[in-house]
Amino acid sequence: MTQLENKHCVPCEGTAAPMAPEELQRQLSYLPEWKVVDDSGTPKLVRVFTFKDFQTALDFTVRVGQLAEAEGHHPALLTEWGKVTVSWWTHAIGGIHLNDLIMATKTEKLV
């Protein structure tokens, strides 16, 4: 892991630029399970986590939600039987910010 797990999100008012593609690719080398997905023109960091059953997936969803509340940065979460899809992006800039990589790194630590 990188030092991102020790960082905290900073408020993003929409004045920041999305992360440069080269820097994003460099950071993703530390998060090989995460993919950049284009969702109607908005790039998002996405990963599907798999679990043995619905309850375990739901428990993970709650832990991600608690992390999001603590950091003040919130993902899209889709909980299904045996899996949770987590999507991080910064709404205010319509793209991926360092905050999203911080949160993806912290999400990894919850598994």
PDB file of N, CA and C in Angstrom:
ATOM      1  N   MET A   1       0.833  -1.189   0.000  1.00  0.00           N
ATOM      2  CA  MET A   1       0.000   0.000   0.000  1.00  0.00           C
ATOM      3  C   MET A   1       0.875   1.249   0.000  1.00  0.00           C
ATOM      4  N   THR A   2       0.286   2.312  -0.412  1.00  0.00           N
ATOM      5  CA  THR A   2       0.984   3.593  -0.399  1.00  0.00           C
ATOM      6  C   THR A   2       0.691   4.303   0.914  1.00  0.00           C
ATOM      7  N   GLN A   3       1.216   5.478   1.049  1.00  0.00           N
ATOM      8  CA  GLN A   3       0.930   6.293   2.231  1.00  0.00           C
ATOM      9  C   GLN A   3      -0.475   6.878   2.189  1.00  0.00           C
ATOM     10  N   LEU A   4      -1.221   6.626   1.145  1.00  0.00           N
ATOM     11  CA  LEU A   4      -2.571   7.177   1.042  1.00  0.00           C
ATOM     12  C   LEU A   4      -3.476   6.699   2.168  1.00  0.00           C
ATOM     13  N   GLU A   5      -3.222   5.507   2.686  1.00  0.00           N
ATOM     14  CA  GLU A   5      -4.065   4.999   3.767  1.00  0.00           C
ATOM     15  C   GLU A   5      -3.951   5.846   5.030  1.00  0.00           C
ATOM     16  N   ASN A   6      -2.883   6.641   5.140  1.00  0.00           N
ATOM     17  CA  ASN A   6      -2.687   7.499   6.309  1.00  0.00           C
ATOM     18  C   ASN A   6      -3.163   8.926   6.084  1.00  0.00           C
ATOM     19  N   LYS A   7      -3.625   9.224   4.890  1.00  0.00           N
ATOM     20  CA  LYS A   7      -4.094  10.577   4.567  1.00  0.00           C
ATOM     21  C   LYS A   7      -5.596  10.673   4.804  1.00  0.00           C
ATOM     22  N   HIS A   8      -6.086  11.899   4.818  1.00  0.00           N
ATOM     23  CA  HIS A   8      -7.515  12.158   4.969  1.00  0.00           C
ATOM     24  C   HIS A   8      -8.000  13.010   3.811  1.00  0.00           C
ATOM     25  N   CYS A   9      -9.265  12.902   3.515  1.00  0.00           N
ATOM     26  CA  CYS A   9      -9.851  13.685   2.437  1.00  0.00           C
ATOM     27  C   CYS A   9      -9.864  15.160   2.804  1.00  0.00           C
ATOM     28  N   VAL A  10      -9.711  15.979   1.771  1.00  0.00           N
ATOM     29  CA  VAL A  10      -9.803  17.417   1.946  1.00  0.00           C
ATOM     30  C   VAL A  10     -11.057  17.897   1.217  1.00  0.00           C
ATOM     31  N   PRO A  11     -11.699  18.940   1.729  1.00  0.00           N
ATOM     32  CA  PRO A  11     -12.896  19.451   1.044  1.00  0.00           C
ATOM     33  C   PRO A  11     -12.563  19.848  -0.402  1.00  0.00           C
ATOM     34  N   CYS A  12     -13.441  19.516  -1.298  1.00  0.00           N
ATOM     35  CA  CYS A  12     -13.258  19.826  -2.715  1.00  0.00           C
ATOM     36  C   CYS A  12     -14.465  20.631  -3.163  1.00  0.00           C
ATOM     37  N   GLU A  13     -14.256  21.898  -3.432  1.00  0.00           N
ATOM     38  CA  GLU A  13     -15.338  22.810  -3.780  1.00  0.00           C
ATOM     39  C   GLU A  13     -15.664  22.826  -5.270  1.00  0.00           C
ATOM     40  N   GLY A  14     -14.965  22.071  -6.049  1.00  0.00           N
ATOM     41  CA  GLY A  14     -15.207  22.081  -7.481  1.00  0.00           C
ATOM     42  C   GLY A  14     -14.194  22.919  -8.235  1.00  0.00           C
ATOM     43  N   THR A  15     -13.247  23.498  -7.519  1.00  0.00           N
ATOM     44  CA  THR A  15     -12.225  24.310  -8.182  1.00  0.00           C
ATOM     45  C   THR A  15     -10.996  23.475  -8.548  1.00  0.00           C
ATOM     46  N   ALA A  16     -10.864  22.310  -7.950  1.00  0.00           N
ATOM     47  CA  ALA A  16      -9.731  21.427  -8.249  1.00  0.00           C
ATOM     48  C   ALA A  16      -9.943  20.763  -9.605  1.00  0.00           C
ATOM     49  N   ALA A  17      -8.847  20.448 -10.248  1.00  0.00           N
ATOM     50  CA  ALA A  17      -8.917  19.716 -11.511  1.00  0.00           C
ATOM     51  C   ALA A  17      -8.899  18.225 -11.225  1.00  0.00           C
ATOM     52  N   PRO A  18      -9.539  17.434 -12.069  1.00  0.00           N
ATOM     53  CA  PRO A  18      -9.403  15.985 -11.923  1.00  0.00           C
ATOM     54  C   PRO A  18      -7.932  15.589 -12.021  1.00  0.00           C
ATOM     55  N   MET A  19      -7.608  14.459 -11.444  1.00  0.00           N
ATOM     56  CA  MET A  19      -6.229  13.982 -11.454  1.00  0.00           C
ATOM     57  C   MET A  19      -5.755  13.756 -12.891  1.00  0.00           C
ATOM     58  N   ALA A  20      -4.519  14.153 -13.152  1.00  0.00           N
ATOM     59  CA  ALA A  20      -3.930  13.951 -14.476  1.00  0.00           C
ATOM     60  C   ALA A  20      -3.867  12.458 -14.784  1.00  0.00           C
ATOM     61  N   PRO A  21      -4.147  12.069 -16.031  1.00  0.00           N
ATOM     62  CA  PRO A  21      -4.155  10.644 -16.385  1.00  0.00           C
ATOM     63  C   PRO A  21      -2.877   9.902 -16.020  1.00  0.00           C
ATOM     64  N   GLU A  22      -1.713  10.549 -16.189  1.00  0.00           N
ATOM     65  CA  GLU A  22      -0.448   9.883 -15.880  1.00  0.00           C
ATOM     66  C   GLU A  22      -0.339   9.590 -14.383  1.00  0.00           C
ATOM     67  N   GLU A  23      -0.723  10.560 -13.565  1.00  0.00           N
ATOM     68  CA  GLU A  23      -0.677  10.370 -12.111  1.00  0.00           C
ATOM     69  C   GLU A  23      -1.694   9.324 -11.680  1.00  0.00           C
ATOM     70  N   LEU A  24      -2.867   9.346 -12.278  1.00  0.00           N
ATOM     71  CA  LEU A  24      -3.889   8.356 -11.955  1.00  0.00           C
ATOM     72  C   LEU A  24      -3.376   6.955 -12.256  1.00  0.00           C
ATOM     73  N   GLN A  25      -2.768   6.758 -13.399  1.00  0.00           N
ATOM     74  CA  GLN A  25      -2.243   5.434 -13.746  1.00  0.00           C
ATOM     75  C   GLN A  25      -1.147   5.002 -12.782  1.00  0.00           C
ATOM     76  N   ARG A  26      -0.304   5.941 -12.382  1.00  0.00           N
ATOM     77  CA  ARG A  26       0.752   5.622 -11.413  1.00  0.00           C
ATOM     78  C   ARG A  26       0.144   5.169 -10.093  1.00  0.00           C
ATOM     79  N   GLN A  27      -0.853   5.891  -9.619  1.00  0.00           N
ATOM     80  CA  GLN A  27      -1.502   5.545  -8.360  1.00  0.00           C
ATOM     81  C   GLN A  27      -2.251   4.211  -8.464  1.00  0.00           C
ATOM     82  N   LEU A  28      -2.846   3.948  -9.605  1.00  0.00           N
ATOM     83  CA  LEU A  28      -3.584   2.688  -9.777  1.00  0.00           C
ATOM     84  C   LEU A  28      -2.669   1.470  -9.743  1.00  0.00           C
ATOM     85  N   SER A  29      -1.381   1.665  -9.963  1.00  0.00           N
ATOM     86  CA  SER A  29      -0.464   0.531  -9.874  1.00  0.00           C
ATOM     87  C   SER A  29      -0.436  -0.035  -8.445  1.00  0.00           C
ATOM     88  N   TYR A  30      -0.821   0.779  -7.466  1.00  0.00           N
ATOM     89  CA  TYR A  30      -0.906   0.327  -6.074  1.00  0.00           C
ATOM     90  C   TYR A  30      -2.273  -0.266  -5.747  1.00  0.00           C
ATOM     91  N   LEU A  31      -3.214  -0.126  -6.659  1.00  0.00           N
ATOM     92  CA  LEU A  31      -4.591  -0.612  -6.452  1.00  0.00           C
ATOM     93  C   LEU A  31      -5.005  -1.448  -7.668  1.00  0.00           C
ATOM     94  N   PRO A  32      -4.370  -2.586  -7.883  1.00  0.00           N
ATOM     95  CA  PRO A  32      -4.586  -3.331  -9.124  1.00  0.00           C
ATOM     96  C   PRO A  32      -6.006  -3.858  -9.332  1.00  0.00           C
ATOM     97  N   GLU A  33      -6.778  -3.997  -8.270  1.00  0.00           N
ATOM     98  CA  GLU A  33      -8.144  -4.509  -8.418  1.00  0.00           C
ATOM     99  C   GLU A  33      -9.140  -3.419  -8.832  1.00  0.00           C
ATOM    100  N   TRP A  34      -8.734  -2.175  -8.746  1.00  0.00           N
ATOM    101  CA  TRP A  34      -9.602  -1.037  -9.074  1.00  0.00           C
ATOM    102  C   TRP A  34      -9.452  -0.685 -10.546  1.00  0.00           C
ATOM    103  N   LYS A  35     -10.555  -0.350 -11.171  1.00  0.00           N
ATOM    104  CA  LYS A  35     -10.568   0.026 -12.583  1.00  0.00           C
ATOM    105  C   LYS A  35     -11.199   1.407 -12.725  1.00  0.00           C
ATOM    106  N   VAL A  36     -10.752   2.123 -13.734  1.00  0.00           N
ATOM    107  CA  VAL A  36     -11.411   3.382 -14.080  1.00  0.00           C
ATOM    108  C   VAL A  36     -12.502   3.036 -15.087  1.00  0.00           C
ATOM    109  N   VAL A  37     -13.727   3.402 -14.743  1.00  0.00           N
ATOM    110  CA  VAL A  37     -14.884   3.119 -15.582  1.00  0.00           C
ATOM    111  C   VAL A  37     -15.501   4.444 -16.012  1.00  0.00           C
ATOM    112  N   ASP A  38     -15.797   4.567 -17.284  1.00  0.00           N
ATOM    113  CA  ASP A  38     -16.465   5.760 -17.789  1.00  0.00           C
ATOM    114  C   ASP A  38     -17.974   5.556 -17.621  1.00  0.00           C
ATOM    115  N   ASP A  39     -18.581   6.400 -16.818  1.00  0.00           N
ATOM    116  CA  ASP A  39     -20.019   6.324 -16.574  1.00  0.00           C
ATOM    117  C   ASP A  39     -20.663   7.578 -17.152  1.00  0.00           C
ATOM    118  N   SER A  40     -21.099   7.481 -18.391  1.00  0.00           N
ATOM    119  CA  SER A  40     -21.721   8.608 -19.104  1.00  0.00           C
ATOM    120  C   SER A  40     -20.822   9.837 -19.104  1.00  0.00           C
ATOM    121  N   GLY A  41     -19.546   9.632 -19.353  1.00  0.00           N
ATOM    122  CA  GLY A  41     -18.600  10.734 -19.437  1.00  0.00           C
ATOM    123  C   GLY A  41     -17.905  11.082 -18.134  1.00  0.00           C
ATOM    124  N   THR A  42     -18.284  10.433 -17.039  1.00  0.00           N
ATOM    125  CA  THR A  42     -17.649  10.688 -15.745  1.00  0.00           C
ATOM    126  C   THR A  42     -16.777   9.495 -15.373  1.00  0.00           C
ATOM    127  N   PRO A  43     -15.464   9.699 -15.265  1.00  0.00           N
ATOM    128  CA  PRO A  43     -14.615   8.594 -14.831  1.00  0.00           C
ATOM    129  C   PRO A  43     -14.797   8.313 -13.344  1.00  0.00           C
ATOM    130  N   LYS A  44     -14.868   7.036 -13.012  1.00  0.00           N
ATOM    131  CA  LYS A  44     -15.052   6.599 -11.627  1.00  0.00           C
ATOM    132  C   LYS A  44     -14.103   5.452 -11.334  1.00  0.00           C
ATOM    133  N   LEU A  45     -13.632   5.388 -10.084  1.00  0.00           N
ATOM    134  CA  LEU A  45     -12.849   4.245  -9.614  1.00  0.00           C
ATOM    135  C   LEU A  45     -13.837   3.196  -9.127  1.00  0.00           C
ATOM    136  N   VAL A  46     -13.748   1.994  -9.667  1.00  0.00           N
ATOM    137  CA  VAL A  46     -14.738   0.966  -9.354  1.00  0.00           C
ATOM    138  C   VAL A  46     -14.046  -0.349  -9.029  1.00  0.00           C
ATOM    139  N   ARG A  47     -14.580  -0.997  -8.014  1.00  0.00           N
ATOM    140  CA  ARG A  47     -14.134  -2.355  -7.691  1.00  0.00           C
ATOM    141  C   ARG A  47     -15.317  -3.157  -7.189  1.00  0.00           C
ATOM    142  N   VAL A  48     -15.364  -4.428  -7.572  1.00  0.00           N
ATOM    143  CA  VAL A  48     -16.367  -5.363  -7.068  1.00  0.00           C
ATOM    144  C   VAL A  48     -15.681  -6.258  -6.047  1.00  0.00           C
ATOM    145  N   PHE A  49     -16.217  -6.269  -4.836  1.00  0.00           N
ATOM    146  CA  PHE A  49     -15.728  -7.132  -3.758  1.00  0.00           C
ATOM    147  C   PHE A  49     -16.683  -8.310  -3.657  1.00  0.00           C
ATOM    148  N   THR A  50     -16.147  -9.523  -3.522  1.00  0.00           N
ATOM    149  CA  THR A  50     -17.009 -10.698  -3.413  1.00  0.00           C
ATOM    150  C   THR A  50     -16.946 -11.265  -2.000  1.00  0.00           C
ATOM    151  N   PHE A  51     -18.080 -11.836  -1.586  1.00  0.00           N
ATOM    152  CA  PHE A  51     -18.245 -12.373  -0.240  1.00  0.00           C
ATOM    153  C   PHE A  51     -19.009 -13.687  -0.305  1.00  0.00           C
ATOM    154  N   LYS A  52     -19.013 -14.405   0.822  1.00  0.00           N
ATOM    155  CA  LYS A  52     -19.622 -15.738   0.845  1.00  0.00           C
ATOM    156  C   LYS A  52     -21.150 -15.706   0.884  1.00  0.00           C
ATOM    157  N   ASP A  53     -21.728 -14.563   1.288  1.00  0.00           N
ATOM    158  CA  ASP A  53     -23.180 -14.492   1.391  1.00  0.00           C
ATOM    159  C   ASP A  53     -23.636 -13.037   1.472  1.00  0.00           C
ATOM    160  N   PHE A  54     -24.927 -12.833   1.565  1.00  0.00           N
ATOM    161  CA  PHE A  54     -25.473 -11.477   1.600  1.00  0.00           C
ATOM    162  C   PHE A  54     -25.103 -10.752   2.893  1.00  0.00           C
ATOM    163  N   GLN A  55     -25.179 -11.433   4.017  1.00  0.00           N
ATOM    164  CA  GLN A  55     -24.908 -10.771   5.300  1.00  0.00           C
ATOM    165  C   GLN A  55     -23.485 -10.222   5.363  1.00  0.00           C
ATOM    166  N   THR A  56     -22.529 -11.001   4.873  1.00  0.00           N
ATOM    167  CA  THR A  56     -21.143 -10.542   4.878  1.00  0.00           C
ATOM    168  C   THR A  56     -20.980  -9.334   3.949  1.00  0.00           C
ATOM    169  N   ALA A  57     -21.643  -9.370   2.804  1.00  0.00           N
ATOM    170  CA  ALA A  57     -21.612  -8.228   1.884  1.00  0.00           C
ATOM    171  C   ALA A  57     -22.250  -7.002   2.535  1.00  0.00           C
ATOM    172  N   LEU A  58     -23.343  -7.211   3.223  1.00  0.00           N
ATOM    173  CA  LEU A  58     -24.027  -6.103   3.898  1.00  0.00           C
ATOM    174  C   LEU A  58     -23.157  -5.523   5.011  1.00  0.00           C
ATOM    175  N   ASP A  59     -22.500  -6.368   5.768  1.00  0.00           N
ATOM    176  CA  ASP A  59     -21.601  -5.892   6.833  1.00  0.00           C
ATOM    177  C   ASP A  59     -20.476  -5.038   6.246  1.00  0.00           C
ATOM    178  N   PHE A  60     -19.926  -5.461   5.114  1.00  0.00           N
ATOM    179  CA  PHE A  60     -18.884  -4.684   4.449  1.00  0.00           C
ATOM    180  C   PHE A  60     -19.432  -3.335   3.986  1.00  0.00           C
ATOM    181  N   THR A  61     -20.629  -3.347   3.435  1.00  0.00           N
ATOM    182  CA  THR A  61     -21.268  -2.105   2.985  1.00  0.00           C
ATOM    183  C   THR A  61     -21.386  -1.118   4.138  1.00  0.00           C
ATOM    184  N   VAL A  62     -21.769  -1.604   5.303  1.00  0.00           N
ATOM    185  CA  VAL A  62     -21.899  -0.741   6.478  1.00  0.00           C
ATOM    186  C   VAL A  62     -20.534  -0.168   6.868  1.00  0.00           C
ATOM    187  N   ARG A  63     -19.502  -0.991   6.832  1.00  0.00           N
ATOM    188  CA  ARG A  63     -18.152  -0.504   7.176  1.00  0.00           C
ATOM    189  C   ARG A  63     -17.681   0.568   6.190  1.00  0.00           C
ATOM    190  N   VAL A  64     -17.963   0.383   4.909  1.00  0.00           N
ATOM    191  CA  VAL A  64     -17.600   1.398   3.914  1.00  0.00           C
ATOM    192  C   VAL A  64     -18.390   2.685   4.191  1.00  0.00           C
ATOM    193  N   GLY A  65     -19.656   2.544   4.526  1.00  0.00           N
ATOM    194  CA  GLY A  65     -20.473   3.712   4.852  1.00  0.00           C
ATOM    195  C   GLY A  65     -19.957   4.463   6.066  1.00  0.00           C
ATOM    196  N   GLN A  66     -19.521   3.735   7.072  1.00  0.00           N
ATOM    197  CA  GLN A  66     -18.962   4.376   8.270  1.00  0.00           C
ATOM    198  C   GLN A  66     -17.663   5.106   7.941  1.00  0.00           C
ATOM    199  N   LEU A  67     -16.823   4.495   7.119  1.00  0.00           N
ATOM    200  CA  LEU A  67     -15.592   5.140   6.665  1.00  0.00           C
ATOM    201  C   LEU A  67     -15.925   6.415   5.889  1.00  0.00           C
ATOM    202  N   ALA A  68     -16.891   6.332   5.000  1.00  0.00           N
ATOM    203  CA  ALA A  68     -17.282   7.490   4.197  1.00  0.00           C
ATOM    204  C   ALA A  68     -17.764   8.638   5.083  1.00  0.00           C
ATOM    205  N   GLU A  69     -18.563   8.336   6.075  1.00  0.00           N
ATOM    206  CA  GLU A  69     -19.050   9.366   6.999  1.00  0.00           C
ATOM    207  C   GLU A  69     -17.896   9.995   7.763  1.00  0.00           C
ATOM    208  N   ALA A  70     -16.955   9.181   8.209  1.00  0.00           N
ATOM    209  CA  ALA A  70     -15.814   9.691   8.972  1.00  0.00           C
ATOM    210  C   ALA A  70     -14.943  10.624   8.127  1.00  0.00           C
ATOM    211  N   GLU A  71     -14.844  10.354   6.830  1.00  0.00           N
ATOM    212  CA  GLU A  71     -13.993  11.150   5.947  1.00  0.00           C
ATOM    213  C   GLU A  71     -14.767  12.263   5.232  1.00  0.00           C
ATOM    214  N   GLY A  72     -16.091  12.209   5.281  1.00  0.00           N
ATOM    215  CA  GLY A  72     -16.885  13.225   4.590  1.00  0.00           C
ATOM    216  C   GLY A  72     -16.823  13.106   3.074  1.00  0.00           C
ATOM    217  N   HIS A  73     -16.620  11.886   2.599  1.00  0.00           N
ATOM    218  CA  HIS A  73     -16.550  11.632   1.152  1.00  0.00           C
ATOM    219  C   HIS A  73     -17.282  10.316   0.910  1.00  0.00           C
ATOM    220  N   HIS A  74     -18.247  10.322   0.023  1.00  0.00           N
ATOM    221  CA  HIS A  74     -19.185   9.209  -0.073  1.00  0.00           C
ATOM    222  C   HIS A  74     -19.198   8.552  -1.453  1.00  0.00           C
ATOM    223  N   PRO A  75     -19.195   7.213  -1.483  1.00  0.00           N
ATOM    224  CA  PRO A  75     -19.208   6.477  -2.744  1.00  0.00           C
ATOM    225  C   PRO A  75     -20.627   6.096  -3.150  1.00  0.00           C
ATOM    226  N   ALA A  76     -20.711   5.519  -4.323  1.00  0.00           N
ATOM    227  CA  ALA A  76     -21.909   4.781  -4.704  1.00  0.00           C
ATOM    228  C   ALA A  76     -21.646   3.339  -4.284  1.00  0.00           C
ATOM    229  N   LEU A  77     -22.622   2.740  -3.628  1.00  0.00           N
ATOM    230  CA  LEU A  77     -22.500   1.362  -3.151  1.00  0.00           C
ATOM    231  C   LEU A  77     -23.670   0.540  -3.690  1.00  0.00           C
ATOM    232  N   LEU A  78     -23.364  -0.573  -4.297  1.00  0.00           N
ATOM    233  CA  LEU A  78     -24.389  -1.507  -4.753  1.00  0.00           C
ATOM    234  C   LEU A  78     -24.143  -2.827  -4.045  1.00  0.00           C
ATOM    235  N   THR A  79     -25.056  -3.193  -3.162  1.00  0.00           N
ATOM    236  CA  THR A  79     -24.938  -4.433  -2.395  1.00  0.00           C
ATOM    237  C   THR A  79     -25.872  -5.474  -2.990  1.00  0.00           C
ATOM    238  N   GLU A  80     -25.294  -6.621  -3.325  1.00  0.00           N
ATOM    239  CA  GLU A  80     -26.056  -7.731  -3.881  1.00  0.00           C
ATOM    240  C   GLU A  80     -25.662  -8.989  -3.120  1.00  0.00           C
ATOM    241  N   TRP A  81     -26.328 -10.096  -3.412  1.00  0.00           N
ATOM    242  CA  TRP A  81     -25.966 -11.342  -2.759  1.00  0.00           C
ATOM    243  C   TRP A  81     -24.528 -11.670  -3.124  1.00  0.00           C
ATOM    244  N   GLY A  82     -23.662 -11.700  -2.122  1.00  0.00           N
ATOM    245  CA  GLY A  82     -22.282 -12.120  -2.311  1.00  0.00           C
ATOM    246  C   GLY A  82     -21.354 -11.111  -2.947  1.00  0.00           C
ATOM    247  N   LYS A  83     -21.810  -9.883  -3.160  1.00  0.00           N
ATOM    248  CA  LYS A  83     -20.885  -8.901  -3.725  1.00  0.00           C
ATOM    249  C   LYS A  83     -21.331  -7.475  -3.435  1.00  0.00           C
ATOM    250  N   VAL A  84     -20.321  -6.599  -3.423  1.00  0.00           N
ATOM    251  CA  VAL A  84     -20.550  -5.170  -3.239  1.00  0.00           C
ATOM    252  C   VAL A  84     -19.713  -4.449  -4.285  1.00  0.00           C
ATOM    253  N   THR A  85     -20.358  -3.586  -5.058  1.00  0.00           N
ATOM    254  CA  THR A  85     -19.652  -2.746  -6.012  1.00  0.00           C
ATOM    255  C   THR A  85     -19.489  -1.375  -5.373  1.00  0.00           C
ATOM    256  N   VAL A  86     -18.229  -0.923  -5.285  1.00  0.00           N
ATOM    257  CA  VAL A  86     -17.912   0.380  -4.698  1.00  0.00           C
ATOM    258  C   VAL A  86     -17.384   1.267  -5.813  1.00  0.00           C
ATOM    259  N   SER A  87     -17.950   2.466  -5.925  1.00  0.00           N
ATOM    260  CA  SER A  87     -17.522   3.439  -6.936  1.00  0.00           C
ATOM    261  C   SER A  87     -17.167   4.747  -6.248  1.00  0.00           C
ATOM    262  N   TRP A  88     -15.949   5.189  -6.458  1.00  0.00           N
ATOM    263  CA  TRP A  88     -15.471   6.458  -5.904  1.00  0.00           C
ATOM    264  C   TRP A  88     -15.216   7.441  -7.035  1.00  0.00           C
ATOM    265  N   TRP A  89     -15.703   8.651  -6.888  1.00  0.00           N
ATOM    266  CA  TRP A  89     -15.384   9.772  -7.768  1.00  0.00           C
ATOM    267  C   TRP A  89     -15.805  11.032  -7.039  1.00  0.00           C
ATOM    268  N   THR A  90     -15.330  12.155  -7.511  1.00  0.00           N
ATOM    269  CA  THR A  90     -15.642  13.416  -6.851  1.00  0.00           C
ATOM    270  C   THR A  90     -16.681  14.150  -7.682  1.00  0.00           C
ATOM    271  N   HIS A  91     -17.892  14.190  -7.147  1.00  0.00           N
ATOM    272  CA  HIS A  91     -19.020  14.794  -7.852  1.00  0.00           C
ATOM    273  C   HIS A  91     -18.727  16.237  -8.263  1.00  0.00           C
ATOM    274  N   ALA A  92     -18.106  16.999  -7.365  1.00  0.00           N
ATOM    275  CA  ALA A  92     -17.901  18.436  -7.585  1.00  0.00           C
ATOM    276  C   ALA A  92     -17.025  18.735  -8.799  1.00  0.00           C
ATOM    277  N   ILE A  93     -16.154  17.800  -9.176  1.00  0.00           N
ATOM    278  CA  ILE A  93     -15.282  18.037 -10.334  1.00  0.00           C
ATOM    279  C   ILE A  93     -15.597  17.093 -11.485  1.00  0.00           C
ATOM    280  N   GLY A  94     -16.544  16.191 -11.277  1.00  0.00           N
ATOM    281  CA  GLY A  94     -16.928  15.266 -12.337  1.00  0.00           C
ATOM    282  C   GLY A  94     -15.812  14.349 -12.768  1.00  0.00           C
ATOM    283  N   GLY A  95     -14.991  13.933 -11.799  1.00  0.00           N
ATOM    284  CA  GLY A  95     -13.880  13.051 -12.130  1.00  0.00           C
ATOM    285  C   GLY A  95     -13.205  12.508 -10.890  1.00  0.00           C
ATOM    286  N   ILE A  96     -11.995  12.040 -11.062  1.00  0.00           N
ATOM    287  CA  ILE A  96     -11.258  11.388  -9.985  1.00  0.00           C
ATOM    288  C   ILE A  96     -10.259  12.375  -9.388  1.00  0.00           C
ATOM    289  N   HIS A  97     -10.301  12.475  -8.083  1.00  0.00           N
ATOM    290  CA  HIS A  97      -9.449  13.370  -7.291  1.00  0.00           C
ATOM    291  C   HIS A  97      -8.606  12.495  -6.368  1.00  0.00           C
ATOM    292  N   LEU A  98      -7.573  13.072  -5.776  1.00  0.00           N
ATOM    293  CA  LEU A  98      -6.763  12.336  -4.809  1.00  0.00           C
ATOM    294  C   LEU A  98      -7.630  11.755  -3.693  1.00  0.00           C
ATOM    295  N   ASN A  99      -8.684  12.457  -3.295  1.00  0.00           N
ATOM    296  CA  ASN A  99      -9.600  11.934  -2.265  1.00  0.00           C
ATOM    297  C   ASN A  99     -10.123  10.546  -2.628  1.00  0.00           C
ATOM    298  N   ASP A 100     -10.413  10.335  -3.894  1.00  0.00           N
ATOM    299  CA  ASP A 100     -10.969   9.044  -4.324  1.00  0.00           C
ATOM    300  C   ASP A 100      -9.948   7.919  -4.192  1.00  0.00           C
ATOM    301  N   LEU A 101      -8.702   8.224  -4.475  1.00  0.00           N
ATOM    302  CA  LEU A 101      -7.645   7.226  -4.304  1.00  0.00           C
ATOM    303  C   LEU A 101      -7.394   6.951  -2.822  1.00  0.00           C
ATOM    304  N   ILE A 102      -7.474   7.986  -2.004  1.00  0.00           N
ATOM    305  CA  ILE A 102      -7.365   7.791  -0.555  1.00  0.00           C
ATOM    306  C   ILE A 102      -8.453   6.847  -0.082  1.00  0.00           C
ATOM    307  N   MET A 103      -9.673   7.100  -0.527  1.00  0.00           N
ATOM    308  CA  MET A 103     -10.791   6.273  -0.071  1.00  0.00           C
ATOM    309  C   MET A 103     -10.743   4.851  -0.631  1.00  0.00           C
ATOM    310  N   ALA A 104     -10.286   4.700  -1.874  1.00  0.00           N
ATOM    311  CA  ALA A 104     -10.129   3.343  -2.418  1.00  0.00           C
ATOM    312  C   ALA A 104      -9.097   2.571  -1.613  1.00  0.00           C
ATOM    313  N   THR A 105      -8.010   3.235  -1.246  1.00  0.00           N
ATOM    314  CA  THR A 105      -6.970   2.597  -0.444  1.00  0.00           C
ATOM    315  C   THR A 105      -7.516   2.199   0.930  1.00  0.00           C
ATOM    316  N   LYS A 106      -8.282   3.081   1.541  1.00  0.00           N
ATOM    317  CA  LYS A 106      -8.865   2.781   2.858  1.00  0.00           C
ATOM    318  C   LYS A 106      -9.929   1.700   2.748  1.00  0.00           C
ATOM    319  N   THR A 107     -10.650   1.669   1.639  1.00  0.00           N
ATOM    320  CA  THR A 107     -11.651   0.617   1.423  1.00  0.00           C
ATOM    321  C   THR A 107     -10.978  -0.747   1.367  1.00  0.00           C
ATOM    322  N   GLU A 108      -9.822  -0.818   0.709  1.00  0.00           N
ATOM    323  CA  GLU A 108      -9.066  -2.071   0.645  1.00  0.00           C
ATOM    324  C   GLU A 108      -8.751  -2.605   2.038  1.00  0.00           C
ATOM    325  N   LYS A 109      -8.444  -1.712   2.963  1.00  0.00           N
ATOM    326  CA  LYS A 109      -8.076  -2.116   4.321  1.00  0.00           C
ATOM    327  C   LYS A 109      -9.253  -2.699   5.096  1.00  0.00           C
ATOM    328  N   LEU A 110     -10.487  -2.484   4.619  1.00  0.00           N
ATOM    329  CA  LEU A 110     -11.676  -2.978   5.323  1.00  0.00           C
ATOM    330  C   LEU A 110     -11.942  -4.455   5.051  1.00  0.00           C
ATOM    331  N   VAL A 111     -11.341  -4.997   4.023  1.00  0.00           N
ATOM    332  CA  VAL A 111     -11.611  -6.400   3.654  1.00  0.00           C
ATOM    333  C   VAL A 111     -10.877  -7.334   4.594  1.00  0.00           C
TER     334      VAL A 111
END
